[in-house]
Amino acid sequence: MNIVGTVVDIQSEVDIPKAAGGSYKGTRLAYRDDKGALKEQAFHNNALKFNPVIKQALSNLKVNDKFTIVKEKEGEFWNVKNIIVGDAPSYRDWE
């Protein structure tokens, strides 16, 4: 699954609330999706420690930047596999 968006805000080293209570340190990406809806994606600091490609992509994002998040379903969860900063090529461009 690909998520195309435009950055509204990005914050690092913030407290991200857990669903069951408590919180963890991470990066929060607020964005508007391709339909204009305001969305959020959180990244746990431990996950970024083991995925330098995503950490670098997040550090390059600025407000109003376009991006594509590539997610893959693993078990019950959709995990972020890549973040492409800028306009990602469409499927037709790959043919």
PDB file of N, CA and C in Angstrom:
ATOM      1  N   MET A   1       0.850  -1.164   0.000  1.00  0.00           N
ATOM      2  CA  MET A   1       0.000   0.000   0.000  1.00  0.00           C
ATOM      3  C   MET A   1       0.900   1.233   0.000  1.00  0.00           C
ATOM      4  N   ASN A   2       0.549   2.201  -0.813  1.00  0.00           N
ATOM      5  CA  ASN A   2       1.272   3.465  -0.865  1.00  0.00           C
ATOM      6  C   ASN A   2       0.380   4.582  -0.347  1.00  0.00           C
ATOM      7  N   ILE A   3       0.967   5.450   0.467  1.00  0.00           N
ATOM      8  CA  ILE A   3       0.273   6.620   0.976  1.00  0.00           C
ATOM      9  C   ILE A   3       0.979   7.844   0.408  1.00  0.00           C
ATOM     10  N   VAL A   4       0.235   8.657  -0.327  1.00  0.00           N
ATOM     11  CA  VAL A   4       0.780   9.875  -0.910  1.00  0.00           C
ATOM     12  C   VAL A   4       0.277  11.033  -0.063  1.00  0.00           C
ATOM     13  N   GLY A   5       1.200  11.939   0.306  1.00  0.00           N
ATOM     14  CA  GLY A   5       0.775  13.049   1.148  1.00  0.00           C
ATOM     15  C   GLY A   5       1.658  14.270   1.013  1.00  0.00           C
ATOM     16  N   THR A   6       1.252  15.314   1.735  1.00  0.00           N
ATOM     17  CA  THR A   6       1.990  16.565   1.823  1.00  0.00           C
ATOM     18  C   THR A   6       2.183  16.870   3.301  1.00  0.00           C
ATOM     19  N   VAL A   7       3.410  17.160   3.690  1.00  0.00           N
ATOM     20  CA  VAL A   7       3.750  17.385   5.096  1.00  0.00           C
ATOM     21  C   VAL A   7       3.073  18.649   5.623  1.00  0.00           C
ATOM     22  N   VAL A   8       2.396  18.516   6.762  1.00  0.00           N
ATOM     23  CA  VAL A   8       1.822  19.642   7.486  1.00  0.00           C
ATOM     24  C   VAL A   8       2.762  20.008   8.637  1.00  0.00           C
ATOM     25  N   ASP A   9       3.272  18.986   9.344  1.00  0.00           N
ATOM     26  CA  ASP A   9       4.186  19.204  10.464  1.00  0.00           C
ATOM     27  C   ASP A   9       4.957  17.912  10.706  1.00  0.00           C
ATOM     28  N   ILE A  10       6.182  18.050  11.196  1.00  0.00           N
ATOM     29  CA  ILE A  10       6.972  16.893  11.593  1.00  0.00           C
ATOM     30  C   ILE A  10       7.717  17.255  12.862  1.00  0.00           C
ATOM     31  N   GLN A  11       7.604  16.390  13.870  1.00  0.00           N
ATOM     32  CA  GLN A  11       8.221  16.624  15.166  1.00  0.00           C
ATOM     33  C   GLN A  11       8.994  15.386  15.585  1.00  0.00           C
ATOM     34  N   SER A  12      10.237  15.590  16.013  1.00  0.00           N
ATOM     35  CA  SER A  12      11.077  14.495  16.485  1.00  0.00           C
ATOM     36  C   SER A  12      11.197  14.554  18.003  1.00  0.00           C
ATOM     37  N   GLU A  13      11.506  13.404  18.589  1.00  0.00           N
ATOM     38  CA  GLU A  13      11.719  13.300  20.041  1.00  0.00           C
ATOM     39  C   GLU A  13      10.521  13.813  20.838  1.00  0.00           C
ATOM     40  N   VAL A  14       9.322  13.410  20.404  1.00  0.00           N
ATOM     41  CA  VAL A  14       8.101  13.783  21.117  1.00  0.00           C
ATOM     42  C   VAL A  14       7.497  12.540  21.756  1.00  0.00           C
ATOM     43  N   ASP A  15       6.631  12.749  22.736  1.00  0.00           N
ATOM     44  CA  ASP A  15       5.920  11.634  23.364  1.00  0.00           C
ATOM     45  C   ASP A  15       4.742  11.248  22.484  1.00  0.00           C
ATOM     46  N   ILE A  16       4.722   9.986  22.078  1.00  0.00           N
ATOM     47  CA  ILE A  16       3.636   9.436  21.265  1.00  0.00           C
ATOM     48  C   ILE A  16       2.773   8.571  22.185  1.00  0.00           C
ATOM     49  N   PRO A  17       1.467   8.866  22.327  1.00  0.00           N
ATOM     50  CA  PRO A  17       0.638   8.058  23.218  1.00  0.00           C
ATOM     51  C   PRO A  17       0.394   6.652  22.657  1.00  0.00           C
ATOM     52  N   LYS A  18       0.426   5.663  23.556  1.00  0.00           N
ATOM     53  CA  LYS A  18       0.096   4.283  23.191  1.00  0.00           C
ATOM     54  C   LYS A  18      -1.409   4.079  23.331  1.00  0.00           C
ATOM     55  N   ALA A  19      -1.950   3.144  22.576  1.00  0.00           N
ATOM     56  CA  ALA A  19      -3.386   2.876  22.621  1.00  0.00           C
ATOM     57  C   ALA A  19      -3.819   2.390  24.007  1.00  0.00           C
ATOM     58  N   ALA A  20      -2.975   1.603  24.667  1.00  0.00           N
ATOM     59  CA  ALA A  20      -3.332   1.025  25.963  1.00  0.00           C
ATOM     60  C   ALA A  20      -2.861   1.882  27.133  1.00  0.00           C
ATOM     61  N   GLY A  21      -2.435   3.109  26.868  1.00  0.00           N
ATOM     62  CA  GLY A  21      -1.943   3.990  27.913  1.00  0.00           C
ATOM     63  C   GLY A  21      -0.429   4.074  27.882  1.00  0.00           C
ATOM     64  N   GLY A  22       0.093   5.108  28.470  1.00  0.00           N
ATOM     65  CA  GLY A  22       1.527   5.332  28.450  1.00  0.00           C
ATOM     66  C   GLY A  22       1.932   6.015  27.152  1.00  0.00           C
ATOM     67  N   SER A  23       3.234   6.118  26.946  1.00  0.00           N
ATOM     68  CA  SER A  23       3.731   6.750  25.731  1.00  0.00           C
ATOM     69  C   SER A  23       5.143   6.266  25.433  1.00  0.00           C
ATOM     70  N   TYR A  24       5.624   6.609  24.260  1.00  0.00           N
ATOM     71  CA  TYR A  24       6.990   6.296  23.855  1.00  0.00           C
ATOM     72  C   TYR A  24       7.550   7.489  23.094  1.00  0.00           C
ATOM     73  N   LYS A  25       8.872   7.584  23.027  1.00  0.00           N
ATOM     74  CA  LYS A  25       9.524   8.656  22.275  1.00  0.00           C
ATOM     75  C   LYS A  25       9.550   8.282  20.797  1.00  0.00           C
ATOM     76  N   GLY A  26       9.312   9.262  19.954  1.00  0.00           N
ATOM     77  CA  GLY A  26       9.326   8.991  18.530  1.00  0.00           C
ATOM     78  C   GLY A  26       9.198  10.253  17.703  1.00  0.00           C
ATOM     79  N   THR A  27       8.915  10.035  16.440  1.00  0.00           N
ATOM     80  CA  THR A  27       8.707  11.118  15.476  1.00  0.00           C
ATOM     81  C   THR A  27       7.262  11.074  15.023  1.00  0.00           C
ATOM     82  N   ARG A  28       6.618  12.242  14.991  1.00  0.00           N
ATOM     83  CA  ARG A  28       5.228  12.345  14.554  1.00  0.00           C
ATOM     84  C   ARG A  28       5.195  13.125  13.250  1.00  0.00           C
ATOM     85  N   LEU A  29       4.596  12.511  12.239  1.00  0.00           N
ATOM     86  CA  LEU A  29       4.437  13.138  10.931  1.00  0.00           C
ATOM     87  C   LEU A  29       2.952  13.432  10.732  1.00  0.00           C
ATOM     88  N   ALA A  30       2.596  14.713  10.643  1.00  0.00           N
ATOM     89  CA  ALA A  30       1.229  15.125  10.327  1.00  0.00           C
ATOM     90  C   ALA A  30       1.217  15.521   8.854  1.00  0.00           C
ATOM     91  N   TYR A  31       0.213  15.025   8.118  1.00  0.00           N
ATOM     92  CA  TYR A  31       0.171  15.273   6.673  1.00  0.00           C
ATOM     93  C   TYR A  31      -1.252  15.288   6.164  1.00  0.00           C
ATOM     94  N   ARG A  32      -1.410  15.826   4.976  1.00  0.00           N
ATOM     95  CA  ARG A  32      -2.681  15.745   4.261  1.00  0.00           C
ATOM     96  C   ARG A  32      -2.525  14.692   3.177  1.00  0.00           C
ATOM     97  N   ASP A  33      -3.484  13.763   3.140  1.00  0.00           N
ATOM     98  CA  ASP A  33      -3.413  12.724   2.122  1.00  0.00           C
ATOM     99  C   ASP A  33      -3.864  13.279   0.774  1.00  0.00           C
ATOM    100  N   ASP A  34      -3.892  12.419  -0.232  1.00  0.00           N
ATOM    101  CA  ASP A  34      -4.224  12.877  -1.585  1.00  0.00           C
ATOM    102  C   ASP A  34      -5.668  13.333  -1.733  1.00  0.00           C
ATOM    103  N   LYS A  35      -6.505  13.101  -0.701  1.00  0.00           N
ATOM    104  CA  LYS A  35      -7.889  13.579  -0.717  1.00  0.00           C
ATOM    105  C   LYS A  35      -8.062  14.818   0.154  1.00  0.00           C
ATOM    106  N   GLY A  36      -6.958  15.269   0.785  1.00  0.00           N
ATOM    107  CA  GLY A  36      -7.003  16.469   1.616  1.00  0.00           C
ATOM    108  C   GLY A  36      -7.282  16.224   3.081  1.00  0.00           C
ATOM    109  N   ALA A  37      -7.475  14.961   3.480  1.00  0.00           N
ATOM    110  CA  ALA A  37      -7.757  14.646   4.881  1.00  0.00           C
ATOM    111  C   ALA A  37      -6.472  14.748   5.714  1.00  0.00           C
ATOM    112  N   LEU A  38      -6.602  15.290   6.928  1.00  0.00           N
ATOM    113  CA  LEU A  38      -5.468  15.414   7.833  1.00  0.00           C
ATOM    114  C   LEU A  38      -5.213  14.060   8.503  1.00  0.00           C
ATOM    115  N   LYS A  39      -3.981  13.561   8.408  1.00  0.00           N
ATOM    116  CA  LYS A  39      -3.606  12.246   8.938  1.00  0.00           C
ATOM    117  C   LYS A  39      -2.324  12.382   9.745  1.00  0.00           C
ATOM    118  N   GLU A  40      -2.021  11.324  10.509  1.00  0.00           N
ATOM    119  CA  GLU A  40      -0.792  11.278  11.296  1.00  0.00           C
ATOM    120  C   GLU A  40      -0.160   9.910  11.179  1.00  0.00           C
ATOM    121  N   GLN A  41       1.162   9.883  11.179  1.00  0.00           N
ATOM    122  CA  GLN A  41       1.925   8.629  11.205  1.00  0.00           C
ATOM    123  C   GLN A  41       3.000   8.807  12.266  1.00  0.00           C
ATOM    124  N   ALA A  42       3.067   7.855  13.206  1.00  0.00           N
ATOM    125  CA  ALA A  42       4.075   7.907  14.263  1.00  0.00           C
ATOM    126  C   ALA A  42       5.145   6.854  13.994  1.00  0.00           C
ATOM    127  N   PHE A  43       6.372   7.195  14.364  1.00  0.00           N
ATOM    128  CA  PHE A  43       7.517   6.302  14.191  1.00  0.00           C
ATOM    129  C   PHE A  43       8.233   6.187  15.528  1.00  0.00           C
ATOM    130  N   HIS A  44       8.317   4.996  16.073  1.00  0.00           N
ATOM    131  CA  HIS A  44       8.996   4.737  17.343  1.00  0.00           C
ATOM    132  C   HIS A  44      10.503   4.910  17.155  1.00  0.00           C
ATOM    133  N   ASN A  45      11.162   5.563  18.104  1.00  0.00           N
ATOM    134  CA  ASN A  45      12.610   5.775  17.998  1.00  0.00           C
ATOM    135  C   ASN A  45      13.376   4.464  17.814  1.00  0.00           C
ATOM    136  N   ASN A  46      12.944   3.387  18.470  1.00  0.00           N
ATOM    137  CA  ASN A  46      13.638   2.101  18.308  1.00  0.00           C
ATOM    138  C   ASN A  46      13.541   1.592  16.876  1.00  0.00           C
ATOM    139  N   ALA A  47      12.390   1.779  16.253  1.00  0.00           N
ATOM    140  CA  ALA A  47      12.235   1.347  14.860  1.00  0.00           C
ATOM    141  C   ALA A  47      13.152   2.156  13.944  1.00  0.00           C
ATOM    142  N   LEU A  48      13.292   3.449  14.221  1.00  0.00           N
ATOM    143  CA  LEU A  48      14.151   4.292  13.387  1.00  0.00           C
ATOM    144  C   LEU A  48      15.624   3.945  13.585  1.00  0.00           C
ATOM    145  N   LYS A  49      15.968   3.501  14.777  1.00  0.00           N
ATOM    146  CA  LYS A  49      17.353   3.123  15.053  1.00  0.00           C
ATOM    147  C   LYS A  49      17.791   1.959  14.148  1.00  0.00           C
ATOM    148  N   PHE A  50      16.855   1.064  13.845  1.00  0.00           N
ATOM    149  CA  PHE A  50      17.170  -0.106  13.033  1.00  0.00           C
ATOM    150  C   PHE A  50      16.819   0.068  11.557  1.00  0.00           C
ATOM    151  N   ASN A  51      16.324   1.234  11.186  1.00  0.00           N
ATOM    152  CA  ASN A  51      16.001   1.490   9.789  1.00  0.00           C
ATOM    153  C   ASN A  51      16.507   2.880   9.397  1.00  0.00           C
ATOM    154  N   PRO A  52      17.820   2.991   9.113  1.00  0.00           N
ATOM    155  CA  PRO A  52      18.406   4.297   8.811  1.00  0.00           C
ATOM    156  C   PRO A  52      17.853   4.951   7.543  1.00  0.00           C
ATOM    157  N   VAL A  53      17.336   4.166   6.611  1.00  0.00           N
ATOM    158  CA  VAL A  53      16.777   4.733   5.377  1.00  0.00           C
ATOM    159  C   VAL A  53      15.539   5.571   5.702  1.00  0.00           C
ATOM    160  N   ILE A  54      14.659   5.034   6.534  1.00  0.00           N
ATOM    161  CA  ILE A  54      13.454   5.764   6.914  1.00  0.00           C
ATOM    162  C   ILE A  54      13.816   6.955   7.800  1.00  0.00           C
ATOM    163  N   LYS A  55      14.751   6.764   8.729  1.00  0.00           N
ATOM    164  CA  LYS A  55      15.183   7.860   9.595  1.00  0.00           C
ATOM    165  C   LYS A  55      15.737   9.022   8.764  1.00  0.00           C
ATOM    166  N   GLN A  56      16.536   8.716   7.752  1.00  0.00           N
ATOM    167  CA  GLN A  56      17.110   9.757   6.891  1.00  0.00           C
ATOM    168  C   GLN A  56      16.022  10.461   6.074  1.00  0.00           C
ATOM    169  N   ALA A  57      15.075   9.678   5.543  1.00  0.00           N
ATOM    170  CA  ALA A  57      13.990  10.273   4.763  1.00  0.00           C
ATOM    171  C   ALA A  57      13.171  11.226   5.630  1.00  0.00           C
ATOM    172  N   LEU A  58      12.866  10.818   6.867  1.00  0.00           N
ATOM    173  CA  LEU A  58      12.109  11.689   7.771  1.00  0.00           C
ATOM    174  C   LEU A  58      12.876  12.970   8.083  1.00  0.00           C
ATOM    175  N   SER A  59      14.186  12.845   8.264  1.00  0.00           N
ATOM    176  CA  SER A  59      14.983  14.034   8.587  1.00  0.00           C
ATOM    177  C   SER A  59      15.061  15.004   7.405  1.00  0.00           C
ATOM    178  N   ASN A  60      14.816  14.516   6.191  1.00  0.00           N
ATOM    179  CA  ASN A  60      14.838  15.365   5.001  1.00  0.00           C
ATOM    180  C   ASN A  60      13.496  16.041   4.718  1.00  0.00           C
ATOM    181  N   LEU A  61      12.418  15.588   5.365  1.00  0.00           N
ATOM    182  CA  LEU A  61      11.093  16.145   5.107  1.00  0.00           C
ATOM    183  C   LEU A  61      10.939  17.522   5.740  1.00  0.00           C
ATOM    184  N   LYS A  62      10.320  18.412   5.002  1.00  0.00           N
ATOM    185  CA  LYS A  62      10.014  19.771   5.456  1.00  0.00           C
ATOM    186  C   LYS A  62       8.527  20.038   5.193  1.00  0.00           C
ATOM    187  N   VAL A  63       7.985  21.023   5.885  1.00  0.00           N
ATOM    188  CA  VAL A  63       6.584  21.409   5.686  1.00  0.00           C
ATOM    189  C   VAL A  63       6.350  21.714   4.208  1.00  0.00           C
ATOM    190  N   ASN A  64       5.253  21.221   3.679  1.00  0.00           N
ATOM    191  CA  ASN A  64       4.794  21.348   2.291  1.00  0.00           C
ATOM    192  C   ASN A  64       5.487  20.396   1.323  1.00  0.00           C
ATOM    193  N   ASP A  65       6.429  19.571   1.793  1.00  0.00           N
ATOM    194  CA  ASP A  65       7.042  18.559   0.923  1.00  0.00           C
ATOM    195  C   ASP A  65       6.028  17.473   0.591  1.00  0.00           C
ATOM    196  N   LYS A  66       6.084  17.000  -0.634  1.00  0.00           N
ATOM    197  CA  LYS A  66       5.293  15.837  -1.036  1.00  0.00           C
ATOM    198  C   LYS A  66       6.120  14.592  -0.750  1.00  0.00           C
ATOM    199  N   PHE A  67       5.430  13.484  -0.449  1.00  0.00           N
ATOM    200  CA  PHE A  67       6.117  12.236  -0.149  1.00  0.00           C
ATOM    201  C   PHE A  67       5.195  11.053  -0.449  1.00  0.00           C
ATOM    202  N   THR A  68       5.790   9.879  -0.502  1.00  0.00           N
ATOM    203  CA  THR A  68       5.044   8.630  -0.596  1.00  0.00           C
ATOM    204  C   THR A  68       5.594   7.689   0.460  1.00  0.00           C
ATOM    205  N   ILE A  69       4.710   7.157   1.293  1.00  0.00           N
ATOM    206  CA  ILE A  69       5.082   6.128   2.266  1.00  0.00           C
ATOM    207  C   ILE A  69       4.681   4.782   1.667  1.00  0.00           C
ATOM    208  N   VAL A  70       5.628   3.868   1.621  1.00  0.00           N
ATOM    209  CA  VAL A  70       5.374   2.518   1.129  1.00  0.00           C
ATOM    210  C   VAL A  70       5.213   1.608   2.344  1.00  0.00           C
ATOM    211  N   LYS A  71       4.024   0.975   2.464  1.00  0.00           N
ATOM    212  CA  LYS A  71       3.749   0.080   3.587  1.00  0.00           C
ATOM    213  C   LYS A  71       3.504  -1.335   3.067  1.00  0.00           C
ATOM    214  N   GLU A  72       3.859  -2.303   3.916  1.00  0.00           N
ATOM    215  CA  GLU A  72       3.656  -3.715   3.585  1.00  0.00           C
ATOM    216  C   GLU A  72       3.007  -4.392   4.787  1.00  0.00           C
ATOM    217  N   LYS A  73       1.991  -5.217   4.528  1.00  0.00           N
ATOM    218  CA  LYS A  73       1.302  -5.903   5.615  1.00  0.00           C
ATOM    219  C   LYS A  73       2.108  -7.117   6.043  1.00  0.00           C
ATOM    220  N   GLU A  74       2.398  -7.150   7.351  1.00  0.00           N
ATOM    221  CA  GLU A  74       3.115  -8.271   7.949  1.00  0.00           C
ATOM    222  C   GLU A  74       2.310  -8.717   9.161  1.00  0.00           C
ATOM    223  N   GLY A  75       1.640  -9.859   9.024  1.00  0.00           N
ATOM    224  CA  GLY A  75       0.743 -10.302  10.092  1.00  0.00           C
ATOM    225  C   GLY A  75      -0.437  -9.355  10.180  1.00  0.00           C
ATOM    226  N   GLU A  76      -0.658  -8.811  11.384  1.00  0.00           N
ATOM    227  CA  GLU A  76      -1.781  -7.895  11.605  1.00  0.00           C
ATOM    228  C   GLU A  76      -1.435  -6.438  11.327  1.00  0.00           C
ATOM    229  N   PHE A  77      -0.163  -6.140  11.074  1.00  0.00           N
ATOM    230  CA  PHE A  77       0.285  -4.751  11.031  1.00  0.00           C
ATOM    231  C   PHE A  77       0.752  -4.331   9.646  1.00  0.00           C
ATOM    232  N   TRP A  78       0.533  -3.048   9.336  1.00  0.00           N
ATOM    233  CA  TRP A  78       1.087  -2.428   8.136  1.00  0.00           C
ATOM    234  C   TRP A  78       2.369  -1.733   8.553  1.00  0.00           C
ATOM    235  N   ASN A  79       3.507  -2.216   8.088  1.00  0.00           N
ATOM    236  CA  ASN A  79       4.808  -1.668   8.446  1.00  0.00           C
ATOM    237  C   ASN A  79       5.354  -0.787   7.327  1.00  0.00           C
ATOM    238  N   VAL A  80       5.950   0.335   7.721  1.00  0.00           N
ATOM    239  CA  VAL A  80       6.552   1.249   6.762  1.00  0.00           C
ATOM    240  C   VAL A  80       7.844   0.624   6.240  1.00  0.00           C
ATOM    241  N   LYS A  81       7.952   0.507   4.935  1.00  0.00           N
ATOM    242  CA  LYS A  81       9.137  -0.076   4.302  1.00  0.00           C
ATOM    243  C   LYS A  81      10.025   0.971   3.647  1.00  0.00           C
ATOM    244  N   ASN A  82       9.427   2.100   3.244  1.00  0.00           N
ATOM    245  CA  ASN A  82      10.210   3.130   2.578  1.00  0.00           C
ATOM    246  C   ASN A  82       9.427   4.446   2.608  1.00  0.00           C
ATOM    247  N   ILE A  83      10.157   5.538   2.551  1.00  0.00           N
ATOM    248  CA  ILE A  83       9.552   6.860   2.387  1.00  0.00           C
ATOM    249  C   ILE A  83      10.289   7.522   1.230  1.00  0.00           C
ATOM    250  N   ILE A  84       9.541   7.893   0.220  1.00  0.00           N
ATOM    251  CA  ILE A  84      10.113   8.550  -0.954  1.00  0.00           C
ATOM    252  C   ILE A  84       9.772  10.032  -0.845  1.00  0.00           C
ATOM    253  N   VAL A  85      10.777  10.860  -0.721  1.00  0.00           N
ATOM    254  CA  VAL A  85      10.577  12.303  -0.605  1.00  0.00           C
ATOM    255  C   VAL A  85      10.428  12.880  -2.011  1.00  0.00           C
ATOM    256  N   GLY A  86       9.420  13.711  -2.196  1.00  0.00           N
ATOM    257  CA  GLY A  86       9.135  14.256  -3.513  1.00  0.00           C
ATOM    258  C   GLY A  86       8.071  13.423  -4.194  1.00  0.00           C
ATOM    259  N   ASP A  87       7.795  13.740  -5.426  1.00  0.00           N
ATOM    260  CA  ASP A  87       6.797  12.981  -6.181  1.00  0.00           C
ATOM    261  C   ASP A  87       7.369  11.627  -6.554  1.00  0.00           C
ATOM    262  N   ALA A  88       6.684  10.575  -6.151  1.00  0.00           N
ATOM    263  CA  ALA A  88       7.112   9.223  -6.497  1.00  0.00           C
ATOM    264  C   ALA A  88       6.672   8.909  -7.918  1.00  0.00           C
ATOM    265  N   PRO A  89       7.447   8.097  -8.630  1.00  0.00           N
ATOM    266  CA  PRO A  89       7.014   7.717  -9.977  1.00  0.00           C
ATOM    267  C   PRO A  89       5.741   6.885  -9.905  1.00  0.00           C
ATOM    268  N   SER A  90       4.876   7.067 -10.863  1.00  0.00           N
ATOM    269  CA  SER A  90       3.659   6.269 -10.894  1.00  0.00           C
ATOM    270  C   SER A  90       3.987   4.880 -11.423  1.00  0.00           C
ATOM    271  N   TYR A  91       3.054   3.967 -11.276  1.00  0.00           N
ATOM    272  CA  TYR A  91       3.252   2.597 -11.741  1.00  0.00           C
ATOM    273  C   TYR A  91       3.587   2.580 -13.227  1.00  0.00           C
ATOM    274  N   ARG A  92       2.944   3.432 -13.990  1.00  0.00           N
ATOM    275  CA  ARG A  92       3.166   3.468 -15.431  1.00  0.00           C
ATOM    276  C   ARG A  92       4.602   3.865 -15.771  1.00  0.00           C
ATOM    277  N   ASP A  93       5.229   4.694 -14.909  1.00  0.00           N
ATOM    278  CA  ASP A  93       6.616   5.094 -15.144  1.00  0.00           C
ATOM    279  C   ASP A  93       7.586   3.922 -14.993  1.00  0.00           C
ATOM    280  N   TRP A  94       7.167   2.870 -14.282  1.00  0.00           N
ATOM    281  CA  TRP A  94       8.043   1.731 -14.034  1.00  0.00           C
ATOM    282  C   TRP A  94       7.987   0.722 -15.169  1.00  0.00           C
ATOM    283  N   GLU A  95       6.986   0.817 -16.029  1.00  0.00           N
ATOM    284  CA  GLU A  95       6.817  -0.172 -17.103  1.00  0.00           C
ATOM    285  C   GLU A  95       7.807   0.069 -18.232  1.00  0.00           C
TER     286      GLU A  95
END
